[in-house]
């Protein structure tokens, strides 16, 4: 997988975008409408960031961007719950 500085920057932005949504998600009932929104609202934002950065879609980039997405969600939830271990 080719990893460019632009792709790494997009991954960092994806992580940071998801932190507040993970924080929000941690305060909702699992599988509720708000939980669903907290998980899915950032998806168009992630796509927009990728498009604005000029990073083309490739299947080989999915693991990195998905990891950044879930890491941001997890980090945000850890901030909410205070469980940083």
C-alpha atoms as a PDB file:
ATOM      1  CA  UNK A   1       0.000   0.000   0.000  1.00  0.00           C
ATOM      2  CA  UNK A   2       1.381   3.358  -0.970  1.00  0.00           C
ATOM      3  CA  UNK A   3       1.276   5.769   1.947  1.00  0.00           C
ATOM      4  CA  UNK A   4       1.683   9.429   1.129  1.00  0.00           C
ATOM      5  CA  UNK A   5       1.846  12.436   3.417  1.00  0.00           C
ATOM      6  CA  UNK A   6      -1.532  13.512   2.062  1.00  0.00           C
ATOM      7  CA  UNK A   7      -3.085  10.162   3.000  1.00  0.00           C
ATOM      8  CA  UNK A   8      -1.600  10.310   6.501  1.00  0.00           C
ATOM      9  CA  UNK A   9      -2.940  13.856   6.908  1.00  0.00           C
ATOM     10  CA  UNK A  10      -6.405  12.689   5.833  1.00  0.00           C
ATOM     11  CA  UNK A  11      -6.219   9.802   8.328  1.00  0.00           C
ATOM     12  CA  UNK A  12      -5.310  12.225  11.137  1.00  0.00           C
ATOM     13  CA  UNK A  13      -8.209  14.518  10.195  1.00  0.00           C
ATOM     14  CA  UNK A  14     -10.557  11.505  10.070  1.00  0.00           C
ATOM     15  CA  UNK A  15      -9.434  10.530  13.569  1.00  0.00           C
ATOM     16  CA  UNK A  16      -9.927  14.068  14.889  1.00  0.00           C
ATOM     17  CA  UNK A  17     -13.343  14.466  13.229  1.00  0.00           C
ATOM     18  CA  UNK A  18     -14.541  11.287  14.934  1.00  0.00           C
ATOM     19  CA  UNK A  19     -13.455  12.172  18.484  1.00  0.00           C
ATOM     20  CA  UNK A  20     -16.491  14.398  19.232  1.00  0.00           C
ATOM     21  CA  UNK A  21     -18.823  11.861  17.615  1.00  0.00           C
ATOM     22  CA  UNK A  22     -17.352   9.078  19.762  1.00  0.00           C
ATOM     23  CA  UNK A  23     -17.827  11.309  22.811  1.00  0.00           C
ATOM     24  CA  UNK A  24     -21.468  11.835  21.808  1.00  0.00           C
ATOM     25  CA  UNK A  25     -21.990   8.130  21.043  1.00  0.00           C
ATOM     26  CA  UNK A  26     -20.727   7.096  24.479  1.00  0.00           C
ATOM     27  CA  UNK A  27     -23.526   9.108  26.089  1.00  0.00           C
ATOM     28  CA  UNK A  28     -26.333   7.495  24.107  1.00  0.00           C
ATOM     29  CA  UNK A  29     -28.245   4.232  24.436  1.00  0.00           C
ATOM     30  CA  UNK A  30     -26.700   1.598  22.181  1.00  0.00           C
ATOM     31  CA  UNK A  31     -28.487   1.188  18.820  1.00  0.00           C
ATOM     32  CA  UNK A  32     -30.763   4.181  19.456  1.00  0.00           C
ATOM     33  CA  UNK A  33     -31.363   6.799  16.771  1.00  0.00           C
ATOM     34  CA  UNK A  34     -28.790   9.122  18.390  1.00  0.00           C
ATOM     35  CA  UNK A  35     -26.252   6.310  18.615  1.00  0.00           C
ATOM     36  CA  UNK A  36     -26.833   5.533  14.931  1.00  0.00           C
ATOM     37  CA  UNK A  37     -26.392   9.222  14.055  1.00  0.00           C
ATOM     38  CA  UNK A  38     -23.185   9.516  16.108  1.00  0.00           C
ATOM     39  CA  UNK A  39     -21.731   6.579  14.206  1.00  0.00           C
ATOM     40  CA  UNK A  40     -22.921   7.528  10.703  1.00  0.00           C
ATOM     41  CA  UNK A  41     -23.011  11.341  10.501  1.00  0.00           C
ATOM     42  CA  UNK A  42     -19.197  11.556  10.263  1.00  0.00           C
ATOM     43  CA  UNK A  43     -19.115   9.318   7.167  1.00  0.00           C
ATOM     44  CA  UNK A  44     -19.995  12.107   4.685  1.00  0.00           C
ATOM     45  CA  UNK A  45     -17.521  14.375   6.494  1.00  0.00           C
ATOM     46  CA  UNK A  46     -14.791  11.779   6.032  1.00  0.00           C
ATOM     47  CA  UNK A  47     -15.646  11.459   2.344  1.00  0.00           C
ATOM     48  CA  UNK A  48     -15.597  15.248   1.981  1.00  0.00           C
ATOM     49  CA  UNK A  49     -12.186  15.490   3.661  1.00  0.00           C
ATOM     50  CA  UNK A  50     -10.824  12.797   1.361  1.00  0.00           C
ATOM     51  CA  UNK A  51     -12.210  14.504  -1.747  1.00  0.00           C
ATOM     52  CA  UNK A  52     -11.005  17.970  -0.724  1.00  0.00           C
ATOM     53  CA  UNK A  53      -7.530  16.577  -0.078  1.00  0.00           C
ATOM     54  CA  UNK A  54      -7.494  14.948  -3.497  1.00  0.00           C
ATOM     55  CA  UNK A  55      -6.973  11.438  -2.138  1.00  0.00           C
ATOM     56  CA  UNK A  56      -8.507   9.004  -4.622  1.00  0.00           C
ATOM     57  CA  UNK A  57     -10.544   6.034  -3.469  1.00  0.00           C
ATOM     58  CA  UNK A  58      -8.655   2.740  -3.437  1.00  0.00           C
ATOM     59  CA  UNK A  59      -9.475  -0.446  -1.554  1.00  0.00           C
ATOM     60  CA  UNK A  60      -5.908  -0.577  -0.243  1.00  0.00           C
ATOM     61  CA  UNK A  61      -6.501   2.692   1.638  1.00  0.00           C
ATOM     62  CA  UNK A  62      -9.607   1.431   3.404  1.00  0.00           C
ATOM     63  CA  UNK A  63      -7.801  -0.255   6.345  1.00  0.00           C
ATOM     64  CA  UNK A  64      -5.932   2.927   7.262  1.00  0.00           C
ATOM     65  CA  UNK A  65      -8.964   5.198   6.993  1.00  0.00           C
ATOM     66  CA  UNK A  66     -11.226   2.709   8.797  1.00  0.00           C
ATOM     67  CA  UNK A  67      -8.668   2.375  11.597  1.00  0.00           C
ATOM     68  CA  UNK A  68      -8.511   6.166  11.931  1.00  0.00           C
ATOM     69  CA  UNK A  69     -12.325   6.329  11.959  1.00  0.00           C
ATOM     70  CA  UNK A  70     -12.729   3.734  14.701  1.00  0.00           C
ATOM     71  CA  UNK A  71      -9.773   5.070  16.696  1.00  0.00           C
ATOM     72  CA  UNK A  72     -11.423   8.504  16.774  1.00  0.00           C
ATOM     73  CA  UNK A  73     -14.722   6.973  17.890  1.00  0.00           C
ATOM     74  CA  UNK A  74     -12.948   4.955  20.594  1.00  0.00           C
ATOM     75  CA  UNK A  75     -10.866   7.893  21.784  1.00  0.00           C
ATOM     76  CA  UNK A  76     -13.947  10.097  22.045  1.00  0.00           C
ATOM     77  CA  UNK A  77     -15.805   7.461  24.042  1.00  0.00           C
ATOM     78  CA  UNK A  78     -12.820   7.080  26.383  1.00  0.00           C
ATOM     79  CA  UNK A  79     -12.883  10.836  27.032  1.00  0.00           C
ATOM     80  CA  UNK A  80     -16.590  10.566  27.889  1.00  0.00           C
ATOM     81  CA  UNK A  81     -16.309   7.592  30.207  1.00  0.00           C
ATOM     82  CA  UNK A  82     -12.999   8.563  31.757  1.00  0.00           C
ATOM     83  CA  UNK A  83     -11.656   5.079  31.026  1.00  0.00           C
ATOM     84  CA  UNK A  84      -8.283   5.836  29.456  1.00  0.00           C
ATOM     85  CA  UNK A  85      -6.668   2.443  29.973  1.00  0.00           C
END
